[in-house]
Amino acid sequence: MKENVGGLDKWARILIGALFVGLALVGAVSPWFYLAAIPMLSGIVGHCPMYSLVGISSCPLARSDA
């Protein structure tokens, strides 16, 4: 799996996903908010299957001066 989620996109997925899952855990919102775990996990792992399907990447380009 090639990483295709990076930077601000990664942190937004993790923080917003954790917030929504937390709200669902305490019953403040609908149980449907547990679905926020999907983008949260893709932020943690750094790979989004939907991005792969459409050819998008929010990762910065890798430097090739090894």
N, C-alpha and C. Protein backbone atom coordinates (compact mmCIF):
# COMPACT_ATOMS: atom_id res chain seq x y z
N MET A 1 0.84 -1.18 0.00
CA MET A 1 0.00 0.00 0.00
C MET A 1 0.88 1.24 0.00
N LYS A 2 0.75 2.01 -1.03
CA LYS A 2 1.49 3.26 -1.13
C LYS A 2 0.74 4.35 -0.37
N GLU A 3 1.47 5.14 0.40
CA GLU A 3 0.84 6.21 1.17
C GLU A 3 0.34 7.29 0.23
N ASN A 4 -0.93 7.69 0.41
CA ASN A 4 -1.50 8.74 -0.43
C ASN A 4 -2.27 9.80 0.38
N VAL A 5 -2.15 9.73 1.70
CA VAL A 5 -2.78 10.73 2.57
C VAL A 5 -1.68 11.34 3.42
N GLY A 6 -1.53 12.65 3.34
CA GLY A 6 -0.46 13.29 4.11
C GLY A 6 -0.81 14.70 4.51
N GLY A 7 0.03 15.25 5.35
CA GLY A 7 -0.09 16.65 5.76
C GLY A 7 -1.37 16.97 6.50
N LEU A 8 -1.95 18.09 6.12
CA LEU A 8 -3.17 18.58 6.75
C LEU A 8 -4.34 17.59 6.57
N ASP A 9 -4.40 16.95 5.43
CA ASP A 9 -5.45 15.97 5.16
C ASP A 9 -5.42 14.85 6.19
N LYS A 10 -4.23 14.37 6.49
CA LYS A 10 -4.06 13.28 7.47
C LYS A 10 -4.54 13.71 8.85
N TRP A 11 -4.08 14.87 9.31
CA TRP A 11 -4.45 15.32 10.64
C TRP A 11 -5.93 15.68 10.75
N ALA A 12 -6.50 16.24 9.69
CA ALA A 12 -7.94 16.56 9.71
C ALA A 12 -8.77 15.28 9.82
N ARG A 13 -8.38 14.24 9.07
CA ARG A 13 -9.10 12.97 9.14
C ARG A 13 -9.04 12.38 10.54
N ILE A 14 -7.87 12.41 11.14
CA ILE A 14 -7.69 11.82 12.47
C ILE A 14 -8.46 12.61 13.52
N LEU A 15 -8.30 13.92 13.55
CA LEU A 15 -8.93 14.73 14.59
C LEU A 15 -10.45 14.79 14.47
N ILE A 16 -10.95 15.04 13.27
CA ILE A 16 -12.39 15.12 13.08
C ILE A 16 -13.04 13.75 13.28
N GLY A 17 -12.38 12.70 12.79
CA GLY A 17 -12.90 11.35 12.99
C GLY A 17 -12.96 10.98 14.46
N ALA A 18 -11.91 11.31 15.21
CA ALA A 18 -11.90 11.02 16.65
C ALA A 18 -12.99 11.81 17.38
N LEU A 19 -13.18 13.05 16.98
CA LEU A 19 -14.23 13.87 17.58
C LEU A 19 -15.61 13.24 17.35
N PHE A 20 -15.89 12.87 16.10
CA PHE A 20 -17.21 12.29 15.78
C PHE A 20 -17.42 10.94 16.47
N VAL A 21 -16.40 10.10 16.50
CA VAL A 21 -16.54 8.81 17.17
C VAL A 21 -16.74 9.03 18.67
N GLY A 22 -16.02 9.98 19.24
CA GLY A 22 -16.21 10.30 20.66
C GLY A 22 -17.61 10.78 20.96
N LEU A 23 -18.14 11.64 20.10
CA LEU A 23 -19.51 12.11 20.29
C LEU A 23 -20.52 10.96 20.19
N ALA A 24 -20.26 10.02 19.29
CA ALA A 24 -21.14 8.86 19.16
C ALA A 24 -21.05 7.98 20.40
N LEU A 25 -19.85 7.85 20.96
CA LEU A 25 -19.67 7.02 22.15
C LEU A 25 -20.46 7.54 23.35
N VAL A 26 -20.52 8.85 23.51
CA VAL A 26 -21.25 9.41 24.65
C VAL A 26 -22.73 9.62 24.35
N GLY A 27 -23.15 9.32 23.14
CA GLY A 27 -24.56 9.40 22.79
C GLY A 27 -25.04 10.79 22.41
N ALA A 28 -24.12 11.69 22.14
CA ALA A 28 -24.50 13.06 21.80
C ALA A 28 -25.01 13.18 20.36
N VAL A 29 -24.65 12.23 19.53
CA VAL A 29 -25.06 12.24 18.12
C VAL A 29 -25.52 10.84 17.73
N SER A 30 -26.00 10.73 16.52
CA SER A 30 -26.49 9.46 15.99
C SER A 30 -25.39 8.41 15.94
N PRO A 31 -25.74 7.14 16.11
CA PRO A 31 -24.74 6.07 15.96
C PRO A 31 -24.10 6.02 14.57
N TRP A 32 -24.71 6.66 13.60
CA TRP A 32 -24.11 6.72 12.27
C TRP A 32 -22.75 7.41 12.28
N PHE A 33 -22.49 8.21 13.30
CA PHE A 33 -21.22 8.91 13.40
C PHE A 33 -20.06 7.96 13.66
N TYR A 34 -20.34 6.70 14.02
CA TYR A 34 -19.27 5.70 14.14
C TYR A 34 -18.58 5.47 12.79
N LEU A 35 -19.27 5.80 11.71
CA LEU A 35 -18.66 5.66 10.38
C LEU A 35 -17.47 6.60 10.21
N ALA A 36 -17.34 7.58 11.08
CA ALA A 36 -16.20 8.48 11.03
C ALA A 36 -14.90 7.74 11.33
N ALA A 37 -15.00 6.52 11.85
CA ALA A 37 -13.81 5.72 12.10
C ALA A 37 -13.10 5.35 10.80
N ILE A 38 -13.83 5.30 9.70
CA ILE A 38 -13.22 4.92 8.41
C ILE A 38 -12.20 5.96 7.96
N PRO A 39 -12.58 7.24 7.80
CA PRO A 39 -11.55 8.21 7.42
C PRO A 39 -10.50 8.41 8.52
N MET A 40 -10.88 8.23 9.78
CA MET A 40 -9.90 8.34 10.86
C MET A 40 -8.81 7.28 10.70
N LEU A 41 -9.21 6.06 10.42
CA LEU A 41 -8.23 4.98 10.23
C LEU A 41 -7.40 5.20 8.97
N SER A 42 -8.01 5.73 7.92
CA SER A 42 -7.22 5.99 6.71
C SER A 42 -6.19 7.09 6.97
N GLY A 43 -6.50 8.02 7.85
CA GLY A 43 -5.52 9.03 8.23
C GLY A 43 -4.39 8.44 9.05
N ILE A 44 -4.72 7.52 9.94
CA ILE A 44 -3.71 6.88 10.77
C ILE A 44 -2.78 6.02 9.92
N VAL A 45 -3.37 5.25 9.01
CA VAL A 45 -2.60 4.35 8.15
C VAL A 45 -1.87 5.13 7.06
N GLY A 46 -2.46 6.23 6.60
CA GLY A 46 -1.85 7.03 5.55
C GLY A 46 -2.23 6.59 4.15
N HIS A 47 -3.26 5.75 4.05
CA HIS A 47 -3.70 5.27 2.74
C HIS A 47 -5.22 5.32 2.66
N CYS A 48 -5.73 5.94 1.60
CA CYS A 48 -7.17 6.01 1.36
C CYS A 48 -7.49 5.24 0.08
N PRO A 49 -8.27 4.16 0.17
CA PRO A 49 -8.61 3.40 -1.02
C PRO A 49 -9.33 4.22 -2.09
N MET A 50 -10.18 5.15 -1.69
CA MET A 50 -10.89 5.98 -2.65
C MET A 50 -9.92 6.88 -3.41
N TYR A 51 -8.93 7.43 -2.73
CA TYR A 51 -7.90 8.22 -3.40
C TYR A 51 -7.18 7.38 -4.45
N SER A 52 -6.92 6.12 -4.12
CA SER A 52 -6.25 5.23 -5.09
C SER A 52 -7.09 5.02 -6.33
N LEU A 53 -8.39 4.86 -6.13
CA LEU A 53 -9.29 4.63 -7.27
C LEU A 53 -9.33 5.80 -8.23
N VAL A 54 -9.30 7.02 -7.70
CA VAL A 54 -9.41 8.20 -8.55
C VAL A 54 -8.06 8.85 -8.86
N GLY A 55 -6.97 8.29 -8.31
CA GLY A 55 -5.64 8.78 -8.63
C GLY A 55 -5.24 10.07 -7.93
N ILE A 56 -5.73 10.28 -6.71
CA ILE A 56 -5.42 11.48 -5.95
C ILE A 56 -4.40 11.14 -4.88
N SER A 57 -3.55 12.09 -4.53
CA SER A 57 -2.64 11.95 -3.41
C SER A 57 -2.45 13.31 -2.77
N SER A 58 -2.52 13.35 -1.44
CA SER A 58 -2.27 14.59 -0.73
C SER A 58 -0.91 14.57 -0.05
N CYS A 59 -0.10 13.56 -0.37
CA CYS A 59 1.27 13.47 0.15
C CYS A 59 2.18 14.38 -0.66
N PRO A 60 3.13 14.99 0.02
CA PRO A 60 4.12 15.77 -0.73
C PRO A 60 4.97 14.82 -1.58
N LEU A 61 5.50 15.33 -2.66
CA LEU A 61 6.34 14.52 -3.52
C LEU A 61 7.60 14.08 -2.78
N ALA A 62 7.97 12.83 -2.97
CA ALA A 62 9.16 12.30 -2.31
C ALA A 62 10.42 12.88 -2.96
N ARG A 63 11.38 13.21 -2.13
CA ARG A 63 12.64 13.74 -2.65
C ARG A 63 13.46 12.57 -3.16
N SER A 64 14.12 12.75 -4.28
CA SER A 64 14.87 11.66 -4.88
C SER A 64 16.38 11.93 -4.90
N ASP A 65 16.89 12.62 -3.89
CA ASP A 65 18.32 12.89 -3.85
C ASP A 65 18.99 12.02 -2.79
N ALA A 66 18.77 10.70 -2.92
CA ALA A 66 19.27 9.73 -1.94
C ALA A 66 20.76 9.56 -1.99
